[in-house]
């Protein structure tokens, strides 16, 4: 696997776990202030856009 593919898979899995945790605990359980703010301001699309940025 190339480094870029590993990073892309890691970002994707992080996004999945974030969205699953939102359903279980709500956005106020998120410790990362940037992710919490993006979700509150832009909804899931904000988080997906951030994860979609190249590393």
C-alpha atoms as a PDB file:
ATOM      1  CA  UNK A   1       0.000   0.000   0.000  1.00  0.00           C
ATOM      2  CA  UNK A   2       1.208   3.461  -0.731  1.00  0.00           C
ATOM      3  CA  UNK A   3       1.327   6.101   1.941  1.00  0.00           C
ATOM      4  CA  UNK A   4      -1.444   8.125   0.274  1.00  0.00           C
ATOM      5  CA  UNK A   5      -3.783   5.126   0.256  1.00  0.00           C
ATOM      6  CA  UNK A   6      -3.092   4.388   3.921  1.00  0.00           C
ATOM      7  CA  UNK A   7      -3.819   8.009   4.823  1.00  0.00           C
ATOM      8  CA  UNK A   8      -7.045   7.999   2.777  1.00  0.00           C
ATOM      9  CA  UNK A   9      -8.255   4.818   4.465  1.00  0.00           C
ATOM     10  CA  UNK A  10      -7.388   6.227   7.900  1.00  0.00           C
ATOM     11  CA  UNK A  11      -9.317   9.442   7.176  1.00  0.00           C
ATOM     12  CA  UNK A  12     -12.296   7.443   5.964  1.00  0.00           C
ATOM     13  CA  UNK A  13     -12.344   5.217   9.043  1.00  0.00           C
ATOM     14  CA  UNK A  14     -11.974   8.254  11.303  1.00  0.00           C
ATOM     15  CA  UNK A  15     -14.979   9.831   9.592  1.00  0.00           C
ATOM     16  CA  UNK A  16     -17.050   6.675  10.056  1.00  0.00           C
ATOM     17  CA  UNK A  17     -16.223   6.449  13.762  1.00  0.00           C
ATOM     18  CA  UNK A  18     -16.976  10.167  14.204  1.00  0.00           C
ATOM     19  CA  UNK A  19     -20.391   9.827  12.590  1.00  0.00           C
ATOM     20  CA  UNK A  20     -21.186   6.685  14.614  1.00  0.00           C
ATOM     21  CA  UNK A  21     -20.183   8.430  17.841  1.00  0.00           C
ATOM     22  CA  UNK A  22     -22.445  11.362  16.949  1.00  0.00           C
ATOM     23  CA  UNK A  23     -25.420   9.021  16.817  1.00  0.00           C
ATOM     24  CA  UNK A  24     -24.500   7.451  20.146  1.00  0.00           C
ATOM     25  CA  UNK A  25     -23.376  10.471  22.174  1.00  0.00           C
ATOM     26  CA  UNK A  26     -24.283  13.625  20.259  1.00  0.00           C
ATOM     27  CA  UNK A  27     -21.938  16.320  19.036  1.00  0.00           C
ATOM     28  CA  UNK A  28     -21.322  17.717  22.515  1.00  0.00           C
ATOM     29  CA  UNK A  29     -19.411  14.536  23.364  1.00  0.00           C
ATOM     30  CA  UNK A  30     -16.766  15.438  20.764  1.00  0.00           C
ATOM     31  CA  UNK A  31     -13.552  16.667  22.399  1.00  0.00           C
ATOM     32  CA  UNK A  32     -12.128  18.156  19.180  1.00  0.00           C
ATOM     33  CA  UNK A  33     -13.387  21.732  19.058  1.00  0.00           C
ATOM     34  CA  UNK A  34     -12.790  22.104  15.318  1.00  0.00           C
ATOM     35  CA  UNK A  35     -14.830  19.020  14.467  1.00  0.00           C
ATOM     36  CA  UNK A  36     -17.605  20.045  16.858  1.00  0.00           C
ATOM     37  CA  UNK A  37     -17.776  23.566  15.393  1.00  0.00           C
ATOM     38  CA  UNK A  38     -17.731  22.313  11.793  1.00  0.00           C
ATOM     39  CA  UNK A  39     -20.563  19.925  12.558  1.00  0.00           C
ATOM     40  CA  UNK A  40     -22.627  22.564  14.345  1.00  0.00           C
ATOM     41  CA  UNK A  41     -22.114  25.176  11.614  1.00  0.00           C
ATOM     42  CA  UNK A  42     -22.158  23.050   8.448  1.00  0.00           C
ATOM     43  CA  UNK A  43     -23.553  19.687   9.507  1.00  0.00           C
ATOM     44  CA  UNK A  44     -22.006  16.414   8.366  1.00  0.00           C
ATOM     45  CA  UNK A  45     -20.929  18.032   5.084  1.00  0.00           C
ATOM     46  CA  UNK A  46     -18.413  20.206   6.945  1.00  0.00           C
ATOM     47  CA  UNK A  47     -16.762  17.203   8.536  1.00  0.00           C
ATOM     48  CA  UNK A  48     -16.739  15.274   5.256  1.00  0.00           C
ATOM     49  CA  UNK A  49     -15.175  18.272   3.473  1.00  0.00           C
ATOM     50  CA  UNK A  50     -12.416  18.516   6.072  1.00  0.00           C
ATOM     51  CA  UNK A  51     -11.662  14.799   5.829  1.00  0.00           C
ATOM     52  CA  UNK A  52     -11.624  15.072   2.045  1.00  0.00           C
ATOM     53  CA  UNK A  53      -8.787  17.606   2.018  1.00  0.00           C
ATOM     54  CA  UNK A  54      -5.456  16.177   0.856  1.00  0.00           C
ATOM     55  CA  UNK A  55      -2.908  15.563   3.594  1.00  0.00           C
END
